[in-house]
Structures are given as C-alpha cells and as structure tokens.
C-alpha cells in the first residue's frame, strides 16, 4: 500500500523540524543507528541546537530537562522509562501500584 505524498511530506517536515530544534547529530550520536537512518539524518544542512528555554519560555525547567533526555538521537543515551516516571517533573504522578510492566519485548518491525 502506497503512502499518500502529503503524509510523507508531513513526516519529513516533522523530522527536519526536530533537527532544527535538536541540532544536527554528531557522528558519535549516530553511532548506533542503521546506515539508512544515518544517511537520512545527514541529508539536511547543518543546524546548531536551539535553546529549549528560548523556544519554550513558559515551560518549567524540569519539563525541558526531561524532554531533552527523551529526545536523544542515540537510543542508548535516552532516559529509561523507569527513570522517566521517577523524574522530578513526573514524580508526583508516579504510582508504582498502578503501572504494569511489560515482561516481553515488543516487535517494532514494519511491513
């Protein structure tokens, strides 16, 4: 099944918007990604990272800190789900008695 052109454009534009915000990834940040992903992320022109505090001036510091930890290019550097729930920004909403843990891995393979 073909994906409509306008949906592809939205996805690509969204990725470029993330690159403009986060900045172009370094070789080290690309290290664990597939070769296809590396090539894709190297296509746009270089962008330095923008300050989240400038882009989102009314967002609490702890929320920005959490988002930055979640939006790492290298998945090995991203904050874990357990640490997200224990992060200062979400700690008040964390209820270990109401958060089931998945014991088997998800399969994220696409068609």
PDB file of N, CA and C in Angstrom:
ATOM      1  N   UNK A   1       0.839  -1.176   0.000  1.00  0.00           N
ATOM      2  CA  UNK A   1       0.000   0.000   0.000  1.00  0.00           C
ATOM      3  C   UNK A   1       0.884   1.239   0.000  1.00  0.00           C
ATOM      4  N   UNK A   2       0.660   2.117  -0.936  1.00  0.00           N
ATOM      5  CA  UNK A   2       1.455   3.334  -1.048  1.00  0.00           C
ATOM      6  C   UNK A   2       0.984   4.376  -0.033  1.00  0.00           C
ATOM      7  N   UNK A   3       1.934   5.115   0.506  1.00  0.00           N
ATOM      8  CA  UNK A   3       1.613   6.193   1.437  1.00  0.00           C
ATOM      9  C   UNK A   3       1.374   7.452   0.623  1.00  0.00           C
ATOM     10  N   UNK A   4       0.263   8.162   0.872  1.00  0.00           N
ATOM     11  CA  UNK A   4      -0.003   9.393   0.131  1.00  0.00           C
ATOM     12  C   UNK A   4       1.145  10.396   0.287  1.00  0.00           C
ATOM     13  N   UNK A   5       1.441  11.104  -0.796  1.00  0.00           N
ATOM     14  CA  UNK A   5       2.554  12.051  -0.832  1.00  0.00           C
ATOM     15  C   UNK A   5       2.478  13.078   0.302  1.00  0.00           C
ATOM     16  N   UNK A   6       1.293  13.591   0.571  1.00  0.00           N
ATOM     17  CA  UNK A   6       1.175  14.627   1.604  1.00  0.00           C
ATOM     18  C   UNK A   6       1.538  14.084   2.992  1.00  0.00           C
ATOM     19  N   UNK A   7       1.297  12.799   3.247  1.00  0.00           N
ATOM     20  CA  UNK A   7       1.673  12.211   4.536  1.00  0.00           C
ATOM     21  C   UNK A   7       3.184  12.057   4.640  1.00  0.00           C
ATOM     22  N   UNK A   8       3.832  11.697   3.524  1.00  0.00           N
ATOM     23  CA  UNK A   8       5.290  11.577   3.508  1.00  0.00           C
ATOM     24  C   UNK A   8       5.910  12.945   3.762  1.00  0.00           C
ATOM     25  N   UNK A   9       5.390  13.976   3.134  1.00  0.00           N
ATOM     26  CA  UNK A   9       5.905  15.330   3.316  1.00  0.00           C
ATOM     27  C   UNK A   9       5.775  15.756   4.776  1.00  0.00           C
ATOM     28  N   UNK A  10       4.652  15.447   5.412  1.00  0.00           N
ATOM     29  CA  UNK A  10       4.462  15.808   6.823  1.00  0.00           C
ATOM     30  C   UNK A  10       5.490  15.128   7.718  1.00  0.00           C
ATOM     31  N   UNK A  11       5.770  13.869   7.457  1.00  0.00           N
ATOM     32  CA  UNK A  11       6.746  13.133   8.262  1.00  0.00           C
ATOM     33  C   UNK A  11       8.137  13.727   8.062  1.00  0.00           C
ATOM     34  N   UNK A  12       8.519  13.966   6.815  1.00  0.00           N
ATOM     35  CA  UNK A  12       9.837  14.530   6.528  1.00  0.00           C
ATOM     36  C   UNK A  12       9.958  15.918   7.131  1.00  0.00           C
ATOM     37  N   UNK A  13       8.941  16.756   6.964  1.00  0.00           N
ATOM     38  CA  UNK A  13       8.965  18.101   7.554  1.00  0.00           C
ATOM     39  C   UNK A  13       9.088  18.022   9.075  1.00  0.00           C
ATOM     40  N   UNK A  14       8.381  17.094   9.680  1.00  0.00           N
ATOM     41  CA  UNK A  14       8.466  16.923  11.135  1.00  0.00           C
ATOM     42  C   UNK A  14       9.868  16.526  11.573  1.00  0.00           C
ATOM     43  N   UNK A  15      10.498  15.639  10.820  1.00  0.00           N
ATOM     44  CA  UNK A  15      11.873  15.233  11.145  1.00  0.00           C
ATOM     45  C   UNK A  15      12.820  16.419  11.026  1.00  0.00           C
ATOM     46  N   UNK A  16      12.668  17.212   9.990  1.00  0.00           N
ATOM     47  CA  UNK A  16      13.522  18.385   9.815  1.00  0.00           C
ATOM     48  C   UNK A  16      13.280  19.401  10.928  1.00  0.00           C
ATOM     49  N   UNK A  17      12.042  19.528  11.378  1.00  0.00           N
ATOM     50  CA  UNK A  17      11.758  20.431  12.493  1.00  0.00           C
ATOM     51  C   UNK A  17      12.495  19.970  13.755  1.00  0.00           C
ATOM     52  N   UNK A  18      12.526  18.659  13.994  1.00  0.00           N
ATOM     53  CA  UNK A  18      13.270  18.131  15.136  1.00  0.00           C
ATOM     54  C   UNK A  18      14.758  18.415  14.987  1.00  0.00           C
ATOM     55  N   UNK A  19      15.286  18.237  13.772  1.00  0.00           N
ATOM     56  CA  UNK A  19      16.709  18.503  13.549  1.00  0.00           C
ATOM     57  C   UNK A  19      17.033  19.973  13.782  1.00  0.00           C
ATOM     58  N   UNK A  20      16.131  20.852  13.388  1.00  0.00           N
ATOM     59  CA  UNK A  20      16.359  22.285  13.612  1.00  0.00           C
ATOM     60  C   UNK A  20      16.365  22.602  15.108  1.00  0.00           C
ATOM     61  N   UNK A  21      15.541  21.923  15.873  1.00  0.00           N
ATOM     62  CA  UNK A  21      15.476  22.155  17.315  1.00  0.00           C
ATOM     63  C   UNK A  21      16.657  21.510  18.039  1.00  0.00           C
ATOM     64  N   UNK A  22      16.898  20.240  17.763  1.00  0.00           N
ATOM     65  CA  UNK A  22      17.933  19.482  18.465  1.00  0.00           C
ATOM     66  C   UNK A  22      19.332  19.759  17.941  1.00  0.00           C
ATOM     67  N   UNK A  23      19.419  20.209  16.699  1.00  0.00           N
ATOM     68  CA  UNK A  23      20.714  20.379  16.047  1.00  0.00           C
ATOM     69  C   UNK A  23      21.073  19.108  15.297  1.00  0.00           C
ATOM     70  N   UNK A  24      21.955  19.265  14.343  1.00  0.00           N
ATOM     71  CA  UNK A  24      22.403  18.109  13.564  1.00  0.00           C
ATOM     72  C   UNK A  24      23.172  17.156  14.473  1.00  0.00           C
ATOM     73  N   UNK A  25      22.915  15.861  14.335  1.00  0.00           N
ATOM     74  CA  UNK A  25      23.599  14.902  15.210  1.00  0.00           C
ATOM     75  C   UNK A  25      25.074  14.752  14.850  1.00  0.00           C
ATOM     76  N   UNK A  26      25.888  14.505  15.851  1.00  0.00           N
ATOM     77  CA  UNK A  26      27.312  14.238  15.636  1.00  0.00           C
ATOM     78  C   UNK A  26      27.482  12.786  15.189  1.00  0.00           C
ATOM     79  N   UNK A  27      28.681  12.464  14.724  1.00  0.00           N
ATOM     80  CA  UNK A  27      28.967  11.079  14.342  1.00  0.00           C
ATOM     81  C   UNK A  27      28.765  10.138  15.529  1.00  0.00           C
ATOM     82  N   UNK A  28      29.165  10.587  16.717  1.00  0.00           N
ATOM     83  CA  UNK A  28      29.007   9.756  17.917  1.00  0.00           C
ATOM     84  C   UNK A  28      27.525   9.489  18.202  1.00  0.00           C
ATOM     85  N   UNK A  29      26.688  10.518  18.047  1.00  0.00           N
ATOM     86  CA  UNK A  29      25.254  10.355  18.299  1.00  0.00           C
ATOM     87  C   UNK A  29      24.603   9.426  17.285  1.00  0.00           C
ATOM     88  N   UNK A  30      25.163   9.365  16.084  1.00  0.00           N
ATOM     89  CA  UNK A  30      24.623   8.492  15.037  1.00  0.00           C
ATOM     90  C   UNK A  30      25.126   7.065  15.164  1.00  0.00           C
ATOM     91  N   UNK A  31      26.091   6.846  16.032  1.00  0.00           N
ATOM     92  CA  UNK A  31      26.797   5.576  16.142  1.00  0.00           C
ATOM     93  C   UNK A  31      25.960   4.316  16.106  1.00  0.00           C
ATOM     94  N   UNK A  32      24.885   4.252  16.845  1.00  0.00           N
ATOM     95  CA  UNK A  32      24.129   3.003  16.957  1.00  0.00           C
ATOM     96  C   UNK A  32      22.985   2.890  15.945  1.00  0.00           C
ATOM     97  N   UNK A  33      22.785   3.928  15.140  1.00  0.00           N
ATOM     98  CA  UNK A  33      21.678   3.899  14.188  1.00  0.00           C
ATOM     99  C   UNK A  33      22.035   3.093  12.947  1.00  0.00           C
ATOM    100  N   UNK A  34      21.023   2.655  12.218  1.00  0.00           N
ATOM    101  CA  UNK A  34      21.259   1.909  10.985  1.00  0.00           C
ATOM    102  C   UNK A  34      21.901   2.828   9.951  1.00  0.00           C
ATOM    103  N   UNK A  35      22.550   2.234   8.963  1.00  0.00           N
ATOM    104  CA  UNK A  35      23.190   3.033   7.906  1.00  0.00           C
ATOM    105  C   UNK A  35      22.157   3.870   7.157  1.00  0.00           C
ATOM    106  N   UNK A  36      20.983   3.318   6.962  1.00  0.00           N
ATOM    107  CA  UNK A  36      19.908   4.041   6.272  1.00  0.00           C
ATOM    108  C   UNK A  36      19.488   5.282   7.072  1.00  0.00           C
ATOM    109  N   UNK A  37      19.357   5.121   8.376  1.00  0.00           N
ATOM    110  CA  UNK A  37      18.988   6.248   9.237  1.00  0.00           C
ATOM    111  C   UNK A  37      20.096   7.301   9.252  1.00  0.00           C
ATOM    112  N   UNK A  38      21.351   6.851   9.295  1.00  0.00           N
ATOM    113  CA  UNK A  38      22.476   7.781   9.289  1.00  0.00           C
ATOM    114  C   UNK A  38      22.469   8.628   8.018  1.00  0.00           C
ATOM    115  N   UNK A  39      22.279   7.981   6.878  1.00  0.00           N
ATOM    116  CA  UNK A  39      22.247   8.713   5.602  1.00  0.00           C
ATOM    117  C   UNK A  39      21.110   9.726   5.582  1.00  0.00           C
ATOM    118  N   UNK A  40      19.966   9.325   6.070  1.00  0.00           N
ATOM    119  CA  UNK A  40      18.804  10.217   6.097  1.00  0.00           C
ATOM    120  C   UNK A  40      19.073  11.446   6.960  1.00  0.00           C
ATOM    121  N   UNK A  41      19.661  11.242   8.134  1.00  0.00           N
ATOM    122  CA  UNK A  41      19.892  12.345   9.069  1.00  0.00           C
ATOM    123  C   UNK A  41      21.035  13.263   8.644  1.00  0.00           C
ATOM    124  N   UNK A  42      21.875  12.783   7.720  1.00  0.00           N
ATOM    125  CA  UNK A  42      22.974  13.618   7.233  1.00  0.00           C
ATOM    126  C   UNK A  42      22.575  14.472   6.027  1.00  0.00           C
ATOM    127  N   UNK A  43      21.407  14.238   5.449  1.00  0.00           N
ATOM    128  CA  UNK A  43      20.986  14.959   4.247  1.00  0.00           C
ATOM    129  C   UNK A  43      20.716  16.445   4.469  1.00  0.00           C
ATOM    130  N   UNK A  44      19.973  16.829   5.479  1.00  0.00           N
ATOM    131  CA  UNK A  44      19.667  18.258   5.637  1.00  0.00           C
ATOM    132  C   UNK A  44      20.918  19.069   5.947  1.00  0.00           C
ATOM    133  N   UNK A  45      20.873  20.375   5.682  1.00  0.00           N
ATOM    134  CA  UNK A  45      22.020  21.217   6.044  1.00  0.00           C
ATOM    135  C   UNK A  45      22.244  21.215   7.554  1.00  0.00           C
ATOM    136  N   UNK A  46      23.481  21.510   7.945  1.00  0.00           N
ATOM    137  CA  UNK A  46      23.836  21.521   9.368  1.00  0.00           C
ATOM    138  C   UNK A  46      23.025  22.577  10.118  1.00  0.00           C
ATOM    139  N   UNK A  47      22.569  22.201  11.302  1.00  0.00           N
ATOM    140  CA  UNK A  47      21.891  23.125  12.220  1.00  0.00           C
ATOM    141  C   UNK A  47      22.510  22.957  13.588  1.00  0.00           C
ATOM    142  N   UNK A  48      22.791  24.066  14.241  1.00  0.00           N
ATOM    143  CA  UNK A  48      23.196  24.014  15.635  1.00  0.00           C
ATOM    144  C   UNK A  48      21.949  23.866  16.484  1.00  0.00           C
ATOM    145  N   UNK A  49      22.068  23.352  17.686  1.00  0.00           N
ATOM    146  CA  UNK A  49      20.884  23.185  18.536  1.00  0.00           C
ATOM    147  C   UNK A  49      20.334  24.532  18.989  1.00  0.00           C
ATOM    148  N   UNK A  50      19.027  24.590  19.120  1.00  0.00           N
ATOM    149  CA  UNK A  50      18.373  25.779  19.670  1.00  0.00           C
ATOM    150  C   UNK A  50      18.191  25.579  21.176  1.00  0.00           C
ATOM    151  N   UNK A  51      18.124  26.643  21.890  1.00  0.00           N
ATOM    152  CA  UNK A  51      17.874  26.558  23.325  1.00  0.00           C
ATOM    153  C   UNK A  51      16.397  26.254  23.561  1.00  0.00           C
ATOM    154  N   UNK A  52      16.121  25.155  24.235  1.00  0.00           N
ATOM    155  CA  UNK A  52      14.746  24.808  24.568  1.00  0.00           C
ATOM    156  C   UNK A  52      14.124  25.889  25.444  1.00  0.00           C
ATOM    157  N   UNK A  53      14.943  26.528  26.259  1.00  0.00           N
ATOM    158  CA  UNK A  53      14.445  27.555  27.181  1.00  0.00           C
ATOM    159  C   UNK A  53      13.992  28.805  26.430  1.00  0.00           C
ATOM    160  N   UNK A  54      14.597  29.056  25.264  1.00  0.00           N
ATOM    161  CA  UNK A  54      14.184  30.184  24.414  1.00  0.00           C
ATOM    162  C   UNK A  54      12.959  29.795  23.593  1.00  0.00           C
ATOM    163  N   UNK A  55      12.986  28.600  23.021  1.00  0.00           N
ATOM    164  CA  UNK A  55      11.879  28.135  22.176  1.00  0.00           C
ATOM    165  C   UNK A  55      10.609  27.920  22.993  1.00  0.00           C
ATOM    166  N   UNK A  56      10.773  27.434  24.218  1.00  0.00           N
ATOM    167  CA  UNK A  56       9.633  27.148  25.098  1.00  0.00           C
ATOM    168  C   UNK A  56       9.788  27.932  26.404  1.00  0.00           C
ATOM    169  N   UNK A  57       9.652  29.255  26.360  1.00  0.00           N
ATOM    170  CA  UNK A  57       9.965  30.085  27.525  1.00  0.00           C
ATOM    171  C   UNK A  57       9.057  29.883  28.737  1.00  0.00           C
ATOM    172  N   UNK A  58       7.854  29.366  28.549  1.00  0.00           N
ATOM    173  CA  UNK A  58       6.920  29.227  29.671  1.00  0.00           C
ATOM    174  C   UNK A  58       6.816  27.799  30.204  1.00  0.00           C
ATOM    175  N   UNK A  59       7.725  26.942  29.757  1.00  0.00           N
ATOM    176  CA  UNK A  59       7.711  25.543  30.191  1.00  0.00           C
ATOM    177  C   UNK A  59       8.652  25.395  31.382  1.00  0.00           C
ATOM    178  N   UNK A  60       8.243  24.685  32.423  1.00  0.00           N
ATOM    179  CA  UNK A  60       9.104  24.522  33.598  1.00  0.00           C
ATOM    180  C   UNK A  60      10.448  23.881  33.249  1.00  0.00           C
ATOM    181  N   UNK A  61      11.466  24.299  33.973  1.00  0.00           N
ATOM    182  CA  UNK A  61      12.820  23.792  33.764  1.00  0.00           C
ATOM    183  C   UNK A  61      12.857  22.263  33.798  1.00  0.00           C
ATOM    184  N   UNK A  62      12.211  21.670  34.784  1.00  0.00           N
ATOM    185  CA  UNK A  62      12.265  20.206  34.924  1.00  0.00           C
ATOM    186  C   UNK A  62      11.601  19.494  33.747  1.00  0.00           C
ATOM    187  N   UNK A  63      10.583  20.099  33.139  1.00  0.00           N
ATOM    188  CA  UNK A  63       9.935  19.502  31.961  1.00  0.00           C
ATOM    189  C   UNK A  63      10.884  19.541  30.768  1.00  0.00           C
ATOM    190  N   UNK A  64      11.573  20.654  30.595  1.00  0.00           N
ATOM    191  CA  UNK A  64      12.538  20.767  29.486  1.00  0.00           C
ATOM    192  C   UNK A  64      13.687  19.793  29.691  1.00  0.00           C
ATOM    193  N   UNK A  65      14.154  19.694  30.904  1.00  0.00           N
ATOM    194  CA  UNK A  65      15.226  18.752  31.218  1.00  0.00           C
ATOM    195  C   UNK A  65      14.810  17.322  30.848  1.00  0.00           C
ATOM    196  N   UNK A  66      13.584  16.952  31.179  1.00  0.00           N
ATOM    197  CA  UNK A  66      13.074  15.621  30.864  1.00  0.00           C
ATOM    198  C   UNK A  66      12.966  15.408  29.359  1.00  0.00           C
ATOM    199  N   UNK A  67      12.387  16.363  28.663  1.00  0.00           N
ATOM    200  CA  UNK A  67      12.236  16.231  27.196  1.00  0.00           C
ATOM    201  C   UNK A  67      13.597  16.077  26.530  1.00  0.00           C
ATOM    202  N   UNK A  68      14.575  16.854  26.952  1.00  0.00           N
ATOM    203  CA  UNK A  68      15.912  16.753  26.364  1.00  0.00           C
ATOM    204  C   UNK A  68      16.499  15.361  26.570  1.00  0.00           C
ATOM    205  N   UNK A  69      16.233  14.758  27.726  1.00  0.00           N
ATOM    206  CA  UNK A  69      16.729  13.408  27.996  1.00  0.00           C
ATOM    207  C   UNK A  69      16.001  12.358  27.145  1.00  0.00           C
ATOM    208  N   UNK A  70      14.777  12.661  26.762  1.00  0.00           N
ATOM    209  CA  UNK A  70      13.984  11.729  25.953  1.00  0.00           C
ATOM    210  C   UNK A  70      14.307  11.839  24.464  1.00  0.00           C
ATOM    211  N   UNK A  71      14.755  13.006  24.022  1.00  0.00           N
ATOM    212  CA  UNK A  71      14.972  13.258  22.604  1.00  0.00           C
ATOM    213  C   UNK A  71      16.441  13.124  22.201  1.00  0.00           C
ATOM    214  N   UNK A  72      17.076  12.080  22.625  1.00  0.00           N
ATOM    215  CA  UNK A  72      18.465  11.813  22.256  1.00  0.00           C
ATOM    216  C   UNK A  72      18.486  10.988  20.974  1.00  0.00           C
ATOM    217  N   UNK A  73      19.390  11.317  20.052  1.00  0.00           N
ATOM    218  CA  UNK A  73      19.493  10.554  18.806  1.00  0.00           C
ATOM    219  C   UNK A  73      19.895   9.108  19.075  1.00  0.00           C
ATOM    220  N   UNK A  74      20.859   8.927  19.944  1.00  0.00           N
ATOM    221  CA  UNK A  74      21.350   7.588  20.261  1.00  0.00           C
ATOM    222  C   UNK A  74      20.428   6.970  21.308  1.00  0.00           C
ATOM    223  N   UNK A  75      19.699   5.923  20.949  1.00  0.00           N
ATOM    224  CA  UNK A  75      18.752   5.321  21.899  1.00  0.00           C
ATOM    225  C   UNK A  75      19.422   4.834  23.184  1.00  0.00           C
ATOM    226  N   UNK A  76      20.704   4.529  23.118  1.00  0.00           N
ATOM    227  CA  UNK A  76      21.418   4.073  24.326  1.00  0.00           C
ATOM    228  C   UNK A  76      21.600   5.209  25.317  1.00  0.00           C
ATOM    229  N   UNK A  77      21.496   6.451  24.846  1.00  0.00           N
ATOM    230  CA  UNK A  77      21.682   7.619  25.704  1.00  0.00           C
ATOM    231  C   UNK A  77      20.358   8.158  26.257  1.00  0.00           C
ATOM    232  N   UNK A  78      19.239   7.657  25.743  1.00  0.00           N
ATOM    233  CA  UNK A  78      17.929   8.144  26.191  1.00  0.00           C
ATOM    234  C   UNK A  78      17.628   7.679  27.606  1.00  0.00           C
ATOM    235  N   UNK A  79      16.835   8.467  28.278  1.00  0.00           N
ATOM    236  CA  UNK A  79      16.386   8.128  29.615  1.00  0.00           C
ATOM    237  C   UNK A  79      15.477   6.886  29.537  1.00  0.00           C
ATOM    238  N   UNK A  80      15.569   6.019  30.507  1.00  0.00           N
ATOM    239  CA  UNK A  80      14.736   4.810  30.516  1.00  0.00           C
ATOM    240  C   UNK A  80      13.310   5.170  30.951  1.00  0.00           C
ATOM    241  N   UNK A  81      12.390   4.298  30.649  1.00  0.00           N
ATOM    242  CA  UNK A  81      11.000   4.516  31.045  1.00  0.00           C
ATOM    243  C   UNK A  81      10.894   4.618  32.565  1.00  0.00           C
ATOM    244  N   UNK A  82      11.608   3.740  33.258  1.00  0.00           N
ATOM    245  CA  UNK A  82      11.574   3.772  34.725  1.00  0.00           C
ATOM    246  C   UNK A  82      12.073   5.112  35.256  1.00  0.00           C
ATOM    247  N   UNK A  83      13.149   5.623  34.634  1.00  0.00           N
ATOM    248  CA  UNK A  83      13.704   6.900  35.077  1.00  0.00           C
ATOM    249  C   UNK A  83      12.799   8.074  34.692  1.00  0.00           C
ATOM    250  N   UNK A  84      12.047   7.932  33.599  1.00  0.00           N
ATOM    251  CA  UNK A  84      11.079   8.982  33.232  1.00  0.00           C
ATOM    252  C   UNK A  84      10.054   9.120  34.345  1.00  0.00           C
ATOM    253  N   UNK A  85       9.508   8.001  34.788  1.00  0.00           N
ATOM    254  CA  UNK A  85       8.491   8.045  35.839  1.00  0.00           C
ATOM    255  C   UNK A  85       9.049   8.533  37.170  1.00  0.00           C
ATOM    256  N   UNK A  86      10.343   8.352  37.354  1.00  0.00           N
ATOM    257  CA  UNK A  86      10.959   8.793  38.605  1.00  0.00           C
ATOM    258  C   UNK A  86      11.538  10.205  38.494  1.00  0.00           C
ATOM    259  N   UNK A  87      11.430  10.797  37.320  1.00  0.00           N
ATOM    260  CA  UNK A  87      11.964  12.148  37.114  1.00  0.00           C
ATOM    261  C   UNK A  87      11.165  13.161  37.926  1.00  0.00           C
ATOM    262  N   UNK A  88      11.843  14.206  38.353  1.00  0.00           N
ATOM    263  CA  UNK A  88      11.234  15.251  39.182  1.00  0.00           C
ATOM    264  C   UNK A  88       9.928  15.777  38.587  1.00  0.00           C
ATOM    265  N   UNK A  89       9.872  15.946  37.266  1.00  0.00           N
ATOM    266  CA  UNK A  89       8.683  16.536  36.646  1.00  0.00           C
ATOM    267  C   UNK A  89       7.456  15.628  36.754  1.00  0.00           C
ATOM    268  N   UNK A  90       7.662  14.315  36.716  1.00  0.00           N
ATOM    269  CA  UNK A  90       6.534  13.372  36.751  1.00  0.00           C
ATOM    270  C   UNK A  90       6.380  12.648  38.080  1.00  0.00           C
ATOM    271  N   UNK A  91       7.290  12.862  38.983  1.00  0.00           N
ATOM    272  CA  UNK A  91       7.309  12.099  40.241  1.00  0.00           C
ATOM    273  C   UNK A  91       5.976  12.140  40.991  1.00  0.00           C
ATOM    274  N   UNK A  92       5.314  13.295  41.004  1.00  0.00           N
ATOM    275  CA  UNK A  92       4.037  13.414  41.730  1.00  0.00           C
ATOM    276  C   UNK A  92       2.945  12.529  41.130  1.00  0.00           C
ATOM    277  N   UNK A  93       3.031  12.262  39.836  1.00  0.00           N
ATOM    278  CA  UNK A  93       2.008  11.450  39.158  1.00  0.00           C
ATOM    279  C   UNK A  93       2.343   9.969  39.165  1.00  0.00           C
ATOM    280  N   UNK A  94       3.540   9.635  39.615  1.00  0.00           N
ATOM    281  CA  UNK A  94       4.024   8.260  39.604  1.00  0.00           C
ATOM    282  C   UNK A  94       3.335   7.441  40.694  1.00  0.00           C
ATOM    283  N   UNK A  95       2.730   6.335  40.288  1.00  0.00           N
ATOM    284  CA  UNK A  95       2.088   5.426  41.238  1.00  0.00           C
ATOM    285  C   UNK A  95       2.481   4.008  40.857  1.00  0.00           C
ATOM    286  N   UNK A  96       3.489   3.495  41.481  1.00  0.00           N
ATOM    287  CA  UNK A  96       4.030   2.184  41.131  1.00  0.00           C
ATOM    288  C   UNK A  96       2.990   1.068  41.234  1.00  0.00           C
ATOM    289  N   UNK A  97       1.963   1.257  42.053  1.00  0.00           N
ATOM    290  CA  UNK A  97       0.926   0.230  42.202  1.00  0.00           C
ATOM    291  C   UNK A  97      -0.046   0.224  41.019  1.00  0.00           C
ATOM    292  N   UNK A  98       0.025   1.264  40.169  1.00  0.00           N
ATOM    293  CA  UNK A  98      -0.902   1.359  39.035  1.00  0.00           C
ATOM    294  C   UNK A  98      -0.154   1.493  37.710  1.00  0.00           C
ATOM    295  N   UNK A  99       1.034   0.893  37.624  1.00  0.00           N
ATOM    296  CA  UNK A  99       1.832   0.972  36.416  1.00  0.00           C
ATOM    297  C   UNK A  99       2.363  -0.413  36.072  1.00  0.00           C
ATOM    298  N   UNK A 100       1.604  -1.159  35.287  1.00  0.00           N
ATOM    299  CA  UNK A 100       2.055  -2.505  34.934  1.00  0.00           C
ATOM    300  C   UNK A 100       3.324  -2.464  34.085  1.00  0.00           C
ATOM    301  N   UNK A 101       4.134  -3.508  34.225  1.00  0.00           N
ATOM    302  CA  UNK A 101       5.378  -3.631  33.475  1.00  0.00           C
ATOM    303  C   UNK A 101       5.213  -4.730  32.452  1.00  0.00           C
ATOM    304  N   UNK A 102       5.596  -4.450  31.210  1.00  0.00           N
ATOM    305  CA  UNK A 102       5.545  -5.456  30.152  1.00  0.00           C
ATOM    306  C   UNK A 102       6.756  -6.362  30.296  1.00  0.00           C
ATOM    307  N   UNK A 103       6.531  -7.639  30.377  1.00  0.00           N
ATOM    308  CA  UNK A 103       7.619  -8.584  30.594  1.00  0.00           C
ATOM    309  C   UNK A 103       8.205  -9.144  29.309  1.00  0.00           C
ATOM    310  N   UNK A 104       7.543  -8.888  28.166  1.00  0.00           N
ATOM    311  CA  UNK A 104       8.083  -9.372  26.899  1.00  0.00           C
ATOM    312  C   UNK A 104       8.390  -8.178  25.993  1.00  0.00           C
ATOM    313  N   UNK A 105       9.324  -8.362  25.095  1.00  0.00           N
ATOM    314  CA  UNK A 105       9.734  -7.293  24.192  1.00  0.00           C
ATOM    315  C   UNK A 105       8.688  -7.074  23.094  1.00  0.00           C
ATOM    316  N   UNK A 106       8.553  -5.835  22.689  1.00  0.00           N
ATOM    317  CA  UNK A 106       7.698  -5.510  21.562  1.00  0.00           C
ATOM    318  C   UNK A 106       8.465  -5.756  20.272  1.00  0.00           C
ATOM    319  N   UNK A 107       7.756  -6.085  19.215  1.00  0.00           N
ATOM    320  CA  UNK A 107       8.359  -6.204  17.893  1.00  0.00           C
ATOM    321  C   UNK A 107       7.948  -4.969  17.103  1.00  0.00           C
ATOM    322  N   UNK A 108       8.903  -4.110  16.823  1.00  0.00           N
ATOM    323  CA  UNK A 108       8.607  -2.865  16.124  1.00  0.00           C
ATOM    324  C   UNK A 108       8.892  -2.958  14.624  1.00  0.00           C
ATOM    325  N   UNK A 109       9.111  -4.169  14.104  1.00  0.00           N
ATOM    326  CA  UNK A 109       9.375  -4.323  12.676  1.00  0.00           C
ATOM    327  C   UNK A 109       8.178  -3.830  11.865  1.00  0.00           C
ATOM    328  N   UNK A 110       8.498  -3.130  10.783  1.00  0.00           N
ATOM    329  CA  UNK A 110       7.443  -2.653   9.880  1.00  0.00           C
ATOM    330  C   UNK A 110       7.219  -3.672   8.793  1.00  0.00           C
ATOM    331  N   UNK A 111       6.173  -3.488   8.051  1.00  0.00           N
ATOM    332  CA  UNK A 111       5.860  -4.432   6.973  1.00  0.00           C
ATOM    333  C   UNK A 111       7.029  -4.614   6.044  1.00  0.00           C
TER     334      UNK A 111
END
